[in-house]
Amino acid sequence: IILSFFCVFRYELNAPFIFDLFLANA
């Protein structure tokens, strides 16, 4: 559930590309 929020709102974090991909799939 926690990771689903990171997946959905990850663009708000403005994370580097690799970490954005990780948050999208973890």
mmCIF file of all heavy atoms, coordinates in Angstrom:
data_MODEL
# 
_entry.id   MODEL 
# 
loop_
_atom_site.group_PDB 
_atom_site.id 
_atom_site.type_symbol 
_atom_site.label_atom_id 
_atom_site.label_alt_id 
_atom_site.label_comp_id 
_atom_site.label_asym_id 
_atom_site.label_entity_id 
_atom_site.label_seq_id 
_atom_site.pdbx_PDB_ins_code 
_atom_site.Cartn_x 
_atom_site.Cartn_y 
_atom_site.Cartn_z 
_atom_site.occupancy 
_atom_site.B_iso_or_equiv 
_atom_site.pdbx_formal_charge 
_atom_site.auth_seq_id 
_atom_site.auth_comp_id 
_atom_site.auth_asym_id 
_atom_site.auth_atom_id 
_atom_site.pdbx_PDB_model_num 
ATOM 1   N N   . ILE A 1 1  ? 0.831  -1.207 0.000   1.00 0.00 ? 1  ILE A N   1 
ATOM 2   C CA  . ILE A 1 1  ? 0.000  0.000  0.000   1.00 0.00 ? 1  ILE A CA  1 
ATOM 3   C C   . ILE A 1 1  ? 0.865  1.255  0.000   1.00 0.00 ? 1  ILE A C   1 
ATOM 4   O O   . ILE A 1 1  ? 0.614  2.206  -0.757  1.00 0.00 ? 1  ILE A O   1 
ATOM 5   C CB  . ILE A 1 1  ? -0.951 -0.001 1.212   1.00 0.00 ? 1  ILE A CB  1 
ATOM 6   C CG1 . ILE A 1 1  ? -1.977 -1.127 1.070   1.00 0.00 ? 1  ILE A CG1 1 
ATOM 7   C CG2 . ILE A 1 1  ? -1.661 1.352  1.350   1.00 0.00 ? 1  ILE A CG2 1 
ATOM 8   C CD1 . ILE A 1 1  ? -2.838 -1.331 2.297   1.00 0.00 ? 1  ILE A CD1 1 
ATOM 9   N N   . ILE A 1 2  ? 1.891  1.261  0.835   1.00 0.00 ? 2  ILE A N   1 
ATOM 10  C CA  . ILE A 1 2  ? 2.798  2.418  0.892   1.00 0.00 ? 2  ILE A CA  1 
ATOM 11  C C   . ILE A 1 2  ? 3.478  2.628  -0.459  1.00 0.00 ? 2  ILE A C   1 
ATOM 12  O O   . ILE A 1 2  ? 3.558  3.747  -0.986  1.00 0.00 ? 2  ILE A O   1 
ATOM 13  C CB  . ILE A 1 2  ? 3.852  2.229  2.000   1.00 0.00 ? 2  ILE A CB  1 
ATOM 14  C CG1 . ILE A 1 2  ? 3.195  2.234  3.380   1.00 0.00 ? 2  ILE A CG1 1 
ATOM 15  C CG2 . ILE A 1 2  ? 4.928  3.319  1.920   1.00 0.00 ? 2  ILE A CG2 1 
ATOM 16  C CD1 . ILE A 1 2  ? 2.483  3.523  3.717   1.00 0.00 ? 2  ILE A CD1 1 
ATOM 17  N N   . LEU A 1 3  ? 3.970  1.529  -1.060  1.00 0.00 ? 3  LEU A N   1 
ATOM 18  C CA  . LEU A 1 3  ? 4.657  1.636  -2.347  1.00 0.00 ? 3  LEU A CA  1 
ATOM 19  C C   . LEU A 1 3  ? 3.704  2.063  -3.463  1.00 0.00 ? 3  LEU A C   1 
ATOM 20  O O   . LEU A 1 3  ? 4.131  2.691  -4.437  1.00 0.00 ? 3  LEU A O   1 
ATOM 21  C CB  . LEU A 1 3  ? 5.315  0.305  -2.703  1.00 0.00 ? 3  LEU A CB  1 
ATOM 22  C CG  . LEU A 1 3  ? 6.559  -0.066 -1.882  1.00 0.00 ? 3  LEU A CG  1 
ATOM 23  C CD1 . LEU A 1 3  ? 7.021  -1.480 -2.204  1.00 0.00 ? 3  LEU A CD1 1 
ATOM 24  C CD2 . LEU A 1 3  ? 7.684  0.933  -2.123  1.00 0.00 ? 3  LEU A CD2 1 
ATOM 25  N N   . SER A 1 4  ? 2.417  1.738  -3.332  1.00 0.00 ? 4  SER A N   1 
ATOM 26  C CA  . SER A 1 4  ? 1.455  2.176  -4.338  1.00 0.00 ? 4  SER A CA  1 
ATOM 27  C C   . SER A 1 4  ? 1.334  3.700  -4.345  1.00 0.00 ? 4  SER A C   1 
ATOM 28  O O   . SER A 1 4  ? 1.192  4.310  -5.405  1.00 0.00 ? 4  SER A O   1 
ATOM 29  C CB  . SER A 1 4  ? 0.090  1.531  -4.086  1.00 0.00 ? 4  SER A CB  1 
ATOM 30  O OG  . SER A 1 4  ? -0.530 2.063  -2.926  1.00 0.00 ? 4  SER A OG  1 
ATOM 31  N N   . PHE A 1 5  ? 1.429  4.324  -3.179  1.00 0.00 ? 5  PHE A N   1 
ATOM 32  C CA  . PHE A 1 5  ? 1.391  5.784  -3.111  1.00 0.00 ? 5  PHE A CA  1 
ATOM 33  C C   . PHE A 1 5  ? 2.663  6.380  -3.716  1.00 0.00 ? 5  PHE A C   1 
ATOM 34  O O   . PHE A 1 5  ? 2.608  7.395  -4.415  1.00 0.00 ? 5  PHE A O   1 
ATOM 35  C CB  . PHE A 1 5  ? 1.208  6.249  -1.668  1.00 0.00 ? 5  PHE A CB  1 
ATOM 36  C CG  . PHE A 1 5  ? -0.213 6.197  -1.196  1.00 0.00 ? 5  PHE A CG  1 
ATOM 37  C CD1 . PHE A 1 5  ? -0.713 5.048  -0.592  1.00 0.00 ? 5  PHE A CD1 1 
ATOM 38  C CD2 . PHE A 1 5  ? -1.054 7.286  -1.362  1.00 0.00 ? 5  PHE A CD2 1 
ATOM 39  C CE1 . PHE A 1 5  ? -2.028 4.992  -0.164  1.00 0.00 ? 5  PHE A CE1 1 
ATOM 40  C CE2 . PHE A 1 5  ? -2.371 7.243  -0.938  1.00 0.00 ? 5  PHE A CE2 1 
ATOM 41  C CZ  . PHE A 1 5  ? -2.876 6.084  -0.333  1.00 0.00 ? 5  PHE A CZ  1 
ATOM 42  N N   . PHE A 1 6  ? 3.801  5.751  -3.441  1.00 0.00 ? 6  PHE A N   1 
ATOM 43  C CA  . PHE A 1 6  ? 5.041  6.218  -4.065  1.00 0.00 ? 6  PHE A CA  1 
ATOM 44  C C   . PHE A 1 6  ? 4.972  6.079  -5.581  1.00 0.00 ? 6  PHE A C   1 
ATOM 45  O O   . PHE A 1 6  ? 5.462  6.933  -6.315  1.00 0.00 ? 6  PHE A O   1 
ATOM 46  C CB  . PHE A 1 6  ? 6.232  5.440  -3.520  1.00 0.00 ? 6  PHE A CB  1 
ATOM 47  C CG  . PHE A 1 6  ? 6.766  5.959  -2.218  1.00 0.00 ? 6  PHE A CG  1 
ATOM 48  C CD1 . PHE A 1 6  ? 6.550  5.271  -1.030  1.00 0.00 ? 6  PHE A CD1 1 
ATOM 49  C CD2 . PHE A 1 6  ? 7.483  7.145  -2.172  1.00 0.00 ? 6  PHE A CD2 1 
ATOM 50  C CE1 . PHE A 1 6  ? 7.038  5.748  0.172   1.00 0.00 ? 6  PHE A CE1 1 
ATOM 51  C CE2 . PHE A 1 6  ? 7.974  7.639  -0.976  1.00 0.00 ? 6  PHE A CE2 1 
ATOM 52  C CZ  . PHE A 1 6  ? 7.749  6.930  0.201   1.00 0.00 ? 6  PHE A CZ  1 
ATOM 53  N N   . CYS A 1 7  ? 4.364  4.985  -6.054  1.00 0.00 ? 7  CYS A N   1 
ATOM 54  C CA  . CYS A 1 7  ? 4.226  4.769  -7.499  1.00 0.00 ? 7  CYS A CA  1 
ATOM 55  C C   . CYS A 1 7  ? 3.366  5.854  -8.134  1.00 0.00 ? 7  CYS A C   1 
ATOM 56  O O   . CYS A 1 7  ? 3.731  6.428  -9.159  1.00 0.00 ? 7  CYS A O   1 
ATOM 57  C CB  . CYS A 1 7  ? 3.615  3.393  -7.751  1.00 0.00 ? 7  CYS A CB  1 
ATOM 58  S SG  . CYS A 1 7  ? 3.256  3.021  -9.484  1.00 0.00 ? 7  CYS A SG  1 
ATOM 59  N N   . VAL A 1 8  ? 2.247  6.140  -7.513  1.00 0.00 ? 8  VAL A N   1 
ATOM 60  C CA  . VAL A 1 8  ? 1.293  7.083  -8.092  1.00 0.00 ? 8  VAL A CA  1 
ATOM 61  C C   . VAL A 1 8  ? 1.777  8.520  -8.002  1.00 0.00 ? 8  VAL A C   1 
ATOM 62  O O   . VAL A 1 8  ? 1.586  9.318  -8.931  1.00 0.00 ? 8  VAL A O   1 
ATOM 63  C CB  . VAL A 1 8  ? -0.077 6.930  -7.400  1.00 0.00 ? 8  VAL A CB  1 
ATOM 64  C CG1 . VAL A 1 8  ? -1.027 8.057  -7.805  1.00 0.00 ? 8  VAL A CG1 1 
ATOM 65  C CG2 . VAL A 1 8  ? -0.695 5.571  -7.739  1.00 0.00 ? 8  VAL A CG2 1 
ATOM 66  N N   . PHE A 1 9  ? 2.432  8.870  -6.901  1.00 0.00 ? 9  PHE A N   1 
ATOM 67  C CA  . PHE A 1 9  ? 2.829  10.262 -6.683  1.00 0.00 ? 9  PHE A CA  1 
ATOM 68  C C   . PHE A 1 9  ? 4.333  10.480 -6.847  1.00 0.00 ? 9  PHE A C   1 
ATOM 69  O O   . PHE A 1 9  ? 4.879  11.469 -6.361  1.00 0.00 ? 9  PHE A O   1 
ATOM 70  C CB  . PHE A 1 9  ? 2.405  10.717 -5.279  1.00 0.00 ? 9  PHE A CB  1 
ATOM 71  C CG  . PHE A 1 9  ? 0.926  10.698 -5.073  1.00 0.00 ? 9  PHE A CG  1 
ATOM 72  C CD1 . PHE A 1 9  ? 0.330  9.733  -4.269  1.00 0.00 ? 9  PHE A CD1 1 
ATOM 73  C CD2 . PHE A 1 9  ? 0.111  11.630 -5.707  1.00 0.00 ? 9  PHE A CD2 1 
ATOM 74  C CE1 . PHE A 1 9  ? -1.038 9.704  -4.073  1.00 0.00 ? 9  PHE A CE1 1 
ATOM 75  C CE2 . PHE A 1 9  ? -1.266 11.614 -5.517  1.00 0.00 ? 9  PHE A CE2 1 
ATOM 76  C CZ  . PHE A 1 9  ? -1.847 10.651 -4.702  1.00 0.00 ? 9  PHE A CZ  1 
ATOM 77  N N   . ARG A 1 10 ? 5.000  9.575  -7.556  1.00 0.00 ? 10 ARG A N   1 
ATOM 78  C CA  . ARG A 1 10 ? 6.457  9.649  -7.635  1.00 0.00 ? 10 ARG A CA  1 
ATOM 79  C C   . ARG A 1 10 ? 6.954  10.897 -8.358  1.00 0.00 ? 10 ARG A C   1 
ATOM 80  O O   . ARG A 1 10 ? 8.060  11.381 -8.067  1.00 0.00 ? 10 ARG A O   1 
ATOM 81  C CB  . ARG A 1 10 ? 7.032  8.404  -8.308  1.00 0.00 ? 10 ARG A CB  1 
ATOM 82  C CG  . ARG A 1 10 ? 6.636  8.205  -9.759  1.00 0.00 ? 10 ARG A CG  1 
ATOM 83  C CD  . ARG A 1 10 ? 7.121  6.860  -10.276 1.00 0.00 ? 10 ARG A CD  1 
ATOM 84  N NE  . ARG A 1 10 ? 6.886  6.667  -11.694 1.00 0.00 ? 10 ARG A NE  1 
ATOM 85  C CZ  . ARG A 1 10 ? 5.748  6.207  -12.196 1.00 0.00 ? 10 ARG A CZ  1 
ATOM 86  N NH1 . ARG A 1 10 ? 4.744  5.902  -11.387 1.00 0.00 ? 10 ARG A NH1 1 
ATOM 87  N NH2 . ARG A 1 10 ? 5.616  6.053  -13.505 1.00 0.00 ? 10 ARG A NH2 1 
ATOM 88  N N   . TYR A 1 11 ? 6.185  11.426 -9.289  1.00 0.00 ? 11 TYR A N   1 
ATOM 89  C CA  . TYR A 1 11 ? 6.637  12.624 -9.991  1.00 0.00 ? 11 TYR A CA  1 
ATOM 90  C C   . TYR A 1 11 ? 6.724  13.831 -9.068  1.00 0.00 ? 11 TYR A C   1 
ATOM 91  O O   . TYR A 1 11 ? 7.460  14.777 -9.347  1.00 0.00 ? 11 TYR A O   1 
ATOM 92  C CB  . TYR A 1 11 ? 5.701  12.931 -11.166 1.00 0.00 ? 11 TYR A CB  1 
ATOM 93  C CG  . TYR A 1 11 ? 5.926  12.040 -12.368 1.00 0.00 ? 11 TYR A CG  1 
ATOM 94  C CD1 . TYR A 1 11 ? 5.010  11.999 -13.416 1.00 0.00 ? 11 TYR A CD1 1 
ATOM 95  C CD2 . TYR A 1 11 ? 7.063  11.239 -12.469 1.00 0.00 ? 11 TYR A CD2 1 
ATOM 96  C CE1 . TYR A 1 11 ? 5.216  11.180 -14.527 1.00 0.00 ? 11 TYR A CE1 1 
ATOM 97  C CE2 . TYR A 1 11 ? 7.275  10.420 -13.566 1.00 0.00 ? 11 TYR A CE2 1 
ATOM 98  C CZ  . TYR A 1 11 ? 6.357  10.393 -14.580 1.00 0.00 ? 11 TYR A CZ  1 
ATOM 99  O OH  . TYR A 1 11 ? 6.563  9.582  -15.676 1.00 0.00 ? 11 TYR A OH  1 
ATOM 100 N N   . GLU A 1 12 ? 5.974  13.791 -7.984  1.00 0.00 ? 12 GLU A N   1 
ATOM 101 C CA  . GLU A 1 12 ? 6.065  14.882 -7.013  1.00 0.00 ? 12 GLU A CA  1 
ATOM 102 C C   . GLU A 1 12 ? 7.426  14.908 -6.320  1.00 0.00 ? 12 GLU A C   1 
ATOM 103 O O   . GLU A 1 12 ? 7.852  15.940 -5.811  1.00 0.00 ? 12 GLU A O   1 
ATOM 104 C CB  . GLU A 1 12 ? 4.961  14.742 -5.961  1.00 0.00 ? 12 GLU A CB  1 
ATOM 105 C CG  . GLU A 1 12 ? 3.539  14.762 -6.527  1.00 0.00 ? 12 GLU A CG  1 
ATOM 106 C CD  . GLU A 1 12 ? 3.176  16.112 -7.110  1.00 0.00 ? 12 GLU A CD  1 
ATOM 107 O OE1 . GLU A 1 12 ? 3.719  17.126 -6.629  1.00 0.00 ? 12 GLU A OE1 1 
ATOM 108 O OE2 . GLU A 1 12 ? 2.350  16.154 -8.052  1.00 0.00 ? 12 GLU A OE2 1 
ATOM 109 N N   . LEU A 1 13 ? 8.098  13.752 -6.308  1.00 0.00 ? 13 LEU A N   1 
ATOM 110 C CA  . LEU A 1 13 ? 9.400  13.657 -5.655  1.00 0.00 ? 13 LEU A CA  1 
ATOM 111 C C   . LEU A 1 13 ? 10.522 14.178 -6.536  1.00 0.00 ? 13 LEU A C   1 
ATOM 112 O O   . LEU A 1 13 ? 11.615 14.473 -6.038  1.00 0.00 ? 13 LEU A O   1 
ATOM 113 C CB  . LEU A 1 13 ? 9.695  12.199 -5.283  1.00 0.00 ? 13 LEU A CB  1 
ATOM 114 C CG  . LEU A 1 13 ? 8.687  11.517 -4.352  1.00 0.00 ? 13 LEU A CG  1 
ATOM 115 C CD1 . LEU A 1 13 ? 9.064  10.049 -4.162  1.00 0.00 ? 13 LEU A CD1 1 
ATOM 116 C CD2 . LEU A 1 13 ? 8.634  12.231 -3.006  1.00 0.00 ? 13 LEU A CD2 1 
ATOM 117 N N   . ASN A 1 14 ? 10.272 14.253 -7.848  1.00 0.00 ? 14 ASN A N   1 
ATOM 118 C CA  . ASN A 1 14 ? 11.296 14.706 -8.787  1.00 0.00 ? 14 ASN A CA  1 
ATOM 119 C C   . ASN A 1 14 ? 12.586 13.896 -8.621  1.00 0.00 ? 14 ASN A C   1 
ATOM 120 O O   . ASN A 1 14 ? 13.691 14.446 -8.608  1.00 0.00 ? 14 ASN A O   1 
ATOM 121 C CB  . ASN A 1 14 ? 11.577 16.204 -8.599  1.00 0.00 ? 14 ASN A CB  1 
ATOM 122 C CG  . ASN A 1 14 ? 12.292 16.802 -9.795  1.00 0.00 ? 14 ASN A CG  1 
ATOM 123 O OD1 . ASN A 1 14 ? 12.164 16.322 -10.918 1.00 0.00 ? 14 ASN A OD1 1 
ATOM 124 N ND2 . ASN A 1 14 ? 13.068 17.850 -9.548  1.00 0.00 ? 14 ASN A ND2 1 
ATOM 125 N N   . ALA A 1 15 ? 12.424 12.583 -8.489  1.00 0.00 ? 15 ALA A N   1 
ATOM 126 C CA  . ALA A 1 15 ? 13.569 11.698 -8.261  1.00 0.00 ? 15 ALA A CA  1 
ATOM 127 C C   . ALA A 1 15 ? 14.345 11.482 -9.547  1.00 0.00 ? 15 ALA A C   1 
ATOM 128 O O   . ALA A 1 15 ? 13.798 11.620 -10.651 1.00 0.00 ? 15 ALA A O   1 
ATOM 129 C CB  . ALA A 1 15 ? 13.080 10.359 -7.721  1.00 0.00 ? 15 ALA A CB  1 
ATOM 130 N N   . PRO A 1 16 ? 15.640 11.146 -9.444  1.00 0.00 ? 16 PRO A N   1 
ATOM 131 C CA  . PRO A 1 16 ? 16.422 10.797 -10.634 1.00 0.00 ? 16 PRO A CA  1 
ATOM 132 C C   . PRO A 1 16 ? 15.763 9.651  -11.396 1.00 0.00 ? 16 PRO A C   1 
ATOM 133 O O   . PRO A 1 16 ? 14.989 8.872  -10.831 1.00 0.00 ? 16 PRO A O   1 
ATOM 134 C CB  . PRO A 1 16 ? 17.782 10.385 -10.057 1.00 0.00 ? 16 PRO A CB  1 
ATOM 135 C CG  . PRO A 1 16 ? 17.858 11.084 -8.739  1.00 0.00 ? 16 PRO A CG  1 
ATOM 136 C CD  . PRO A 1 16 ? 16.460 11.122 -8.217  1.00 0.00 ? 16 PRO A CD  1 
ATOM 137 N N   . PHE A 1 17 ? 16.098 9.534  -12.666 1.00 0.00 ? 17 PHE A N   1 
ATOM 138 C CA  . PHE A 1 17 ? 15.443 8.593  -13.572 1.00 0.00 ? 17 PHE A CA  1 
ATOM 139 C C   . PHE A 1 17 ? 15.419 7.169  -13.026 1.00 0.00 ? 17 PHE A C   1 
ATOM 140 O O   . PHE A 1 17 ? 14.372 6.499  -13.040 1.00 0.00 ? 17 PHE A O   1 
ATOM 141 C CB  . PHE A 1 17 ? 16.148 8.626  -14.929 1.00 0.00 ? 17 PHE A CB  1 
ATOM 142 C CG  . PHE A 1 17 ? 15.630 7.622  -15.914 1.00 0.00 ? 17 PHE A CG  1 
ATOM 143 C CD1 . PHE A 1 17 ? 14.377 7.776  -16.491 1.00 0.00 ? 17 PHE A CD1 1 
ATOM 144 C CD2 . PHE A 1 17 ? 16.391 6.514  -16.272 1.00 0.00 ? 17 PHE A CD2 1 
ATOM 145 C CE1 . PHE A 1 17 ? 13.889 6.839  -17.407 1.00 0.00 ? 17 PHE A CE1 1 
ATOM 146 C CE2 . PHE A 1 17 ? 15.920 5.588  -17.182 1.00 0.00 ? 17 PHE A CE2 1 
ATOM 147 C CZ  . PHE A 1 17 ? 14.668 5.750  -17.751 1.00 0.00 ? 17 PHE A CZ  1 
ATOM 148 N N   . ILE A 1 18 ? 16.559 6.680  -12.548 1.00 0.00 ? 18 ILE A N   1 
ATOM 149 C CA  . ILE A 1 18 ? 16.643 5.309  -12.064 1.00 0.00 ? 18 ILE A CA  1 
ATOM 150 C C   . ILE A 1 18 ? 15.726 5.089  -10.873 1.00 0.00 ? 18 ILE A C   1 
ATOM 151 O O   . ILE A 1 18 ? 15.007 4.082  -10.784 1.00 0.00 ? 18 ILE A O   1 
ATOM 152 C CB  . ILE A 1 18 ? 18.102 4.952  -11.702 1.00 0.00 ? 18 ILE A CB  1 
ATOM 153 C CG1 . ILE A 1 18 ? 18.956 4.865  -12.964 1.00 0.00 ? 18 ILE A CG1 1 
ATOM 154 C CG2 . ILE A 1 18 ? 18.161 3.621  -10.949 1.00 0.00 ? 18 ILE A CG2 1 
ATOM 155 C CD1 . ILE A 1 18 ? 18.496 3.811  -13.951 1.00 0.00 ? 18 ILE A CD1 1 
ATOM 156 N N   . PHE A 1 19 ? 15.728 6.020  -9.929  1.00 0.00 ? 19 PHE A N   1 
ATOM 157 C CA  . PHE A 1 19 ? 14.894 5.867  -8.744  1.00 0.00 ? 19 PHE A CA  1 
ATOM 158 C C   . PHE A 1 19 ? 13.419 6.034  -9.088  1.00 0.00 ? 19 PHE A C   1 
ATOM 159 O O   . PHE A 1 19 ? 12.552 5.423  -8.453  1.00 0.00 ? 19 PHE A O   1 
ATOM 160 C CB  . PHE A 1 19 ? 15.330 6.861  -7.671  1.00 0.00 ? 19 PHE A CB  1 
ATOM 161 C CG  . PHE A 1 19 ? 16.703 6.591  -7.139  1.00 0.00 ? 19 PHE A CG  1 
ATOM 162 C CD1 . PHE A 1 19 ? 17.792 7.337  -7.562  1.00 0.00 ? 19 PHE A CD1 1 
ATOM 163 C CD2 . PHE A 1 19 ? 16.925 5.561  -6.241  1.00 0.00 ? 19 PHE A CD2 1 
ATOM 164 C CE1 . PHE A 1 19 ? 19.061 7.072  -7.095  1.00 0.00 ? 19 PHE A CE1 1 
ATOM 165 C CE2 . PHE A 1 19 ? 18.188 5.280  -5.759  1.00 0.00 ? 19 PHE A CE2 1 
ATOM 166 C CZ  . PHE A 1 19 ? 19.263 6.033  -6.188  1.00 0.00 ? 19 PHE A CZ  1 
ATOM 167 N N   . ASP A 1 20 ? 13.129 6.829  -10.105 1.00 0.00 ? 20 ASP A N   1 
ATOM 168 C CA  . ASP A 1 20 ? 11.755 6.955  -10.570 1.00 0.00 ? 20 ASP A CA  1 
ATOM 169 C C   . ASP A 1 20 ? 11.270 5.617  -11.140 1.00 0.00 ? 20 ASP A C   1 
ATOM 170 O O   . ASP A 1 20 ? 10.140 5.191  -10.862 1.00 0.00 ? 20 ASP A O   1 
ATOM 171 C CB  . ASP A 1 20 ? 11.665 8.048  -11.629 1.00 0.00 ? 20 ASP A CB  1 
ATOM 172 C CG  . ASP A 1 20 ? 10.248 8.251  -12.142 1.00 0.00 ? 20 ASP A CG  1 
ATOM 173 O OD1 . ASP A 1 20 ? 9.470  8.932  -11.448 1.00 0.00 ? 20 ASP A OD1 1 
ATOM 174 O OD2 . ASP A 1 20 ? 9.924  7.733  -13.215 1.00 0.00 ? 20 ASP A OD2 1 
ATOM 175 N N   . LEU A 1 21 ? 12.117 4.955  -11.924 1.00 0.00 ? 21 LEU A N   1 
ATOM 176 C CA  . LEU A 1 21 ? 11.766 3.641  -12.453 1.00 0.00 ? 21 LEU A CA  1 
ATOM 177 C C   . LEU A 1 21 ? 11.577 2.624  -11.329 1.00 0.00 ? 21 LEU A C   1 
ATOM 178 O O   . LEU A 1 21 ? 10.673 1.780  -11.383 1.00 0.00 ? 21 LEU A O   1 
ATOM 179 C CB  . LEU A 1 21 ? 12.848 3.147  -13.412 1.00 0.00 ? 21 LEU A CB  1 
ATOM 180 C CG  . LEU A 1 21 ? 12.786 3.619  -14.862 1.00 0.00 ? 21 LEU A CG  1 
ATOM 181 C CD1 . LEU A 1 21 ? 13.984 3.080  -15.640 1.00 0.00 ? 21 LEU A CD1 1 
ATOM 182 C CD2 . LEU A 1 21 ? 11.489 3.177  -15.521 1.00 0.00 ? 21 LEU A CD2 1 
ATOM 183 N N   . PHE A 1 22 ? 12.426 2.708  -10.325 1.00 0.00 ? 22 PHE A N   1 
ATOM 184 C CA  . PHE A 1 22 ? 12.294 1.787  -9.191  1.00 0.00 ? 22 PHE A CA  1 
ATOM 185 C C   . PHE A 1 22 ? 10.969 1.993  -8.476  1.00 0.00 ? 22 PHE A C   1 
ATOM 186 O O   . PHE A 1 22 ? 10.246 1.029  -8.174  1.00 0.00 ? 22 PHE A O   1 
ATOM 187 C CB  . PHE A 1 22 ? 13.456 1.984  -8.216  1.00 0.00 ? 22 PHE A CB  1 
ATOM 188 C CG  . PHE A 1 22 ? 13.303 1.193  -6.941  1.00 0.00 ? 22 PHE A CG  1 
ATOM 189 C CD1 . PHE A 1 22 ? 13.600 -0.162 -6.916  1.00 0.00 ? 22 PHE A CD1 1 
ATOM 190 C CD2 . PHE A 1 22 ? 12.853 1.800  -5.774  1.00 0.00 ? 22 PHE A CD2 1 
ATOM 191 C CE1 . PHE A 1 22 ? 13.445 -0.899 -5.746  1.00 0.00 ? 22 PHE A CE1 1 
ATOM 192 C CE2 . PHE A 1 22 ? 12.694 1.076  -4.605  1.00 0.00 ? 22 PHE A CE2 1 
ATOM 193 C CZ  . PHE A 1 22 ? 12.995 -0.279 -4.588  1.00 0.00 ? 22 PHE A CZ  1 
ATOM 194 N N   . LEU A 1 23 ? 10.605 3.241  -8.204  1.00 0.00 ? 23 LEU A N   1 
ATOM 195 C CA  . LEU A 1 23 ? 9.351  3.534  -7.524  1.00 0.00 ? 23 LEU A CA  1 
ATOM 196 C C   . LEU A 1 23 ? 8.145  3.130  -8.371  1.00 0.00 ? 23 LEU A C   1 
ATOM 197 O O   . LEU A 1 23 ? 7.094  2.763  -7.844  1.00 0.00 ? 23 LEU A O   1 
ATOM 198 C CB  . LEU A 1 23 ? 9.266  5.021  -7.186  1.00 0.00 ? 23 LEU A CB  1 
ATOM 199 C CG  . LEU A 1 23 ? 10.263 5.532  -6.145  1.00 0.00 ? 23 LEU A CG  1 
ATOM 200 C CD1 . LEU A 1 23 ? 10.146 7.044  -5.988  1.00 0.00 ? 23 LEU A CD1 1 
ATOM 201 C CD2 . LEU A 1 23 ? 10.038 4.838  -4.799  1.00 0.00 ? 23 LEU A CD2 1 
ATOM 202 N N   . ALA A 1 24 ? 8.295  3.183  -9.691  1.00 0.00 ? 24 ALA A N   1 
ATOM 203 C CA  . ALA A 1 24 ? 7.202  2.805  -10.581 1.00 0.00 ? 24 ALA A CA  1 
ATOM 204 C C   . ALA A 1 24 ? 6.941  1.309  -10.567 1.00 0.00 ? 24 ALA A C   1 
ATOM 205 O O   . ALA A 1 24 ? 5.819  0.862  -10.850 1.00 0.00 ? 24 ALA A O   1 
ATOM 206 C CB  . ALA A 1 24 ? 7.515  3.259  -12.007 1.00 0.00 ? 24 ALA A CB  1 
ATOM 207 N N   . ASN A 1 25 ? 7.943  0.493  -10.207 1.00 0.00 ? 25 ASN A N   1 
ATOM 208 C CA  . ASN A 1 25 ? 7.811  -0.953 -10.337 1.00 0.00 ? 25 ASN A CA  1 
ATOM 209 C C   . ASN A 1 25 ? 7.951  -1.738 -9.040  1.00 0.00 ? 25 ASN A C   1 
ATOM 210 O O   . ASN A 1 25 ? 7.568  -2.915 -8.993  1.00 0.00 ? 25 ASN A O   1 
ATOM 211 C CB  . ASN A 1 25 ? 8.849  -1.465 -11.344 1.00 0.00 ? 25 ASN A CB  1 
ATOM 212 C CG  . ASN A 1 25 ? 8.584  -0.986 -12.756 1.00 0.00 ? 25 ASN A CG  1 
ATOM 213 O OD1 . ASN A 1 25 ? 7.708  -1.494 -13.442 1.00 0.00 ? 25 ASN A OD1 1 
ATOM 214 N ND2 . ASN A 1 25 ? 9.339  0.018  -13.197 1.00 0.00 ? 25 ASN A ND2 1 
ATOM 215 N N   . ALA A 1 26 ? 8.470  -1.122 -7.994  1.00 0.00 ? 26 ALA A N   1 
ATOM 216 C CA  . ALA A 1 26 ? 8.659  -1.838 -6.727  1.00 0.00 ? 26 ALA A CA  1 
ATOM 217 C C   . ALA A 1 26 ? 7.338  -2.326 -6.147  1.00 0.00 ? 26 ALA A C   1 
ATOM 218 O O   . ALA A 1 26 ? 7.279  -3.376 -5.498  1.00 0.00 ? 26 ALA A O   1 
ATOM 219 C CB  . ALA A 1 26 ? 9.381  -0.936 -5.721  1.00 0.00 ? 26 ALA A CB  1 
# 
